[in-house]
C-alpha atoms as a PDB file:
ATOM      1  CA  MET A   1       0.000   0.000   0.000  1.00  0.00           C
ATOM      2  CA  ALA A   2       1.300   3.446  -0.927  1.00  0.00           C
ATOM      3  CA  THR A   3       1.920   6.116   1.677  1.00  0.00           C
ATOM      4  CA  LEU A   4       0.726   9.679   1.204  1.00  0.00           C
ATOM      5  CA  ILE A   5       3.576  12.181   1.625  1.00  0.00           C
ATOM      6  CA  VAL A   6       3.677  15.941   2.097  1.00  0.00           C
ATOM      7  CA  ASP A   7       7.243  17.132   1.562  1.00  0.00           C
ATOM      8  CA  GLU A   8       7.843  20.235   3.705  1.00  0.00           C
ATOM      9  CA  MET A   9      10.896  21.117   1.631  1.00  0.00           C
ATOM     10  CA  LEU A  10       8.625  21.565  -1.404  1.00  0.00           C
ATOM     11  CA  CYS A  11       5.520  22.952   0.324  1.00  0.00           C
ATOM     12  CA  GLY A  12       4.793  26.577  -0.537  1.00  0.00           C
ATOM     13  CA  LYS A  13       2.262  27.030   2.295  1.00  0.00           C
ATOM     14  CA  SER A  14      -0.472  28.014  -0.181  1.00  0.00           C
ATOM     15  CA  GLY A  15      -3.118  25.993   1.649  1.00  0.00           C
ATOM     16  CA  GLU A  16      -4.835  24.660  -1.462  1.00  0.00           C
ATOM     17  CA  CYS A  17      -4.674  21.094  -0.163  1.00  0.00           C
ATOM     18  CA  VAL A  18      -6.191  22.145   3.173  1.00  0.00           C
ATOM     19  CA  ALA A  19      -8.997  23.984   1.366  1.00  0.00           C
ATOM     20  CA  ILE A  20      -9.675  21.069  -0.997  1.00  0.00           C
ATOM     21  CA  CYS A  21      -9.478  18.238   1.532  1.00  0.00           C
ATOM     22  CA  PRO A  22      -9.549  19.517   5.144  1.00  0.00           C
ATOM     23  CA  THR A  23     -10.346  16.060   6.512  1.00  0.00           C
ATOM     24  CA  VAL A  24      -6.904  14.849   5.377  1.00  0.00           C
ATOM     25  CA  PHE A  25      -4.656  17.935   5.330  1.00  0.00           C
ATOM     26  CA  GLU A  26      -3.964  20.565   7.972  1.00  0.00           C
ATOM     27  CA  PHE A  27      -1.333  23.198   8.683  1.00  0.00           C
ATOM     28  CA  GLY A  28       1.496  22.269  11.026  1.00  0.00           C
ATOM     29  CA  PRO A  29       3.014  24.702  13.554  1.00  0.00           C
ATOM     30  CA  ALA A  30       5.466  26.095  10.980  1.00  0.00           C
ATOM     31  CA  GLY A  31       2.687  26.726   8.446  1.00  0.00           C
ATOM     32  CA  TYR A  32       3.488  23.801   6.171  1.00  0.00           C
ATOM     33  CA  ALA A  33       0.781  21.378   5.146  1.00  0.00           C
ATOM     34  CA  ARG A  34       0.764  17.979   6.771  1.00  0.00           C
ATOM     35  CA  ILE A  35      -1.471  14.940   6.943  1.00  0.00           C
ATOM     36  CA  ARG A  36      -3.874  14.842   9.865  1.00  0.00           C
ATOM     37  CA  ALA A  37      -3.257  12.045  12.345  1.00  0.00           C
ATOM     38  CA  GLY A  38      -5.606   9.161  11.579  1.00  0.00           C
ATOM     39  CA  ALA A  39      -6.809  10.747   8.329  1.00  0.00           C
ATOM     40  CA  ASP A  40      -8.547   8.578   5.764  1.00  0.00           C
ATOM     41  CA  THR A  41      -6.158   9.010   2.851  1.00  0.00           C
ATOM     42  CA  THR A  42      -8.521   7.059   0.577  1.00  0.00           C
ATOM     43  CA  ASP A  43     -10.729  10.170   0.397  1.00  0.00           C
ATOM     44  CA  PRO A  44     -11.170  10.864  -3.346  1.00  0.00           C
ATOM     45  CA  GLU A  45     -10.377  14.555  -2.786  1.00  0.00           C
ATOM     46  CA  VAL A  46      -6.772  13.578  -1.992  1.00  0.00           C
ATOM     47  CA  GLU A  47      -6.154  13.071  -5.710  1.00  0.00           C
ATOM     48  CA  THR A  48      -7.621  16.514  -6.402  1.00  0.00           C
ATOM     49  CA  ALA A  49      -5.296  18.027  -3.792  1.00  0.00           C
ATOM     50  CA  ILE A  50      -2.303  16.251  -5.351  1.00  0.00           C
ATOM     51  CA  SER A  51      -3.256  17.518  -8.817  1.00  0.00           C
ATOM     52  CA  ASN A  52      -3.723  21.073  -7.559  1.00  0.00           C
ATOM     53  CA  CYS A  53      -0.483  21.311  -5.577  1.00  0.00           C
ATOM     54  CA  SER A  54       1.525  23.693  -7.738  1.00  0.00           C
ATOM     55  CA  TYR A  55       4.680  22.838  -5.762  1.00  0.00           C
ATOM     56  CA  GLY A  56       4.520  19.064  -6.254  1.00  0.00           C
ATOM     57  CA  ALA A  57       4.797  18.633  -2.495  1.00  0.00           C
ATOM     58  CA  ILE A  58       2.084  15.962  -2.176  1.00  0.00           C
ATOM     59  CA  TYR A  59       2.591  12.524  -3.646  1.00  0.00           C
ATOM     60  CA  TRP A  60       2.283   8.792  -3.091  1.00  0.00           C
ATOM     61  CA  GLU A  61       5.355   6.793  -2.174  1.00  0.00           C
END
């Protein structure tokens, strides 16, 4: 099973992922996006968030 990754080194803090899929993504203390603890990463909006991340910071590994 693939793991959803948010790479802080690439994150531009735009918040698009949080706006698109707030049940999966949130802002961490430094303002970078991160995956919520216990989030259901099978939410179909995850793919939309990945597609809309202009920094390429969200991906499956």
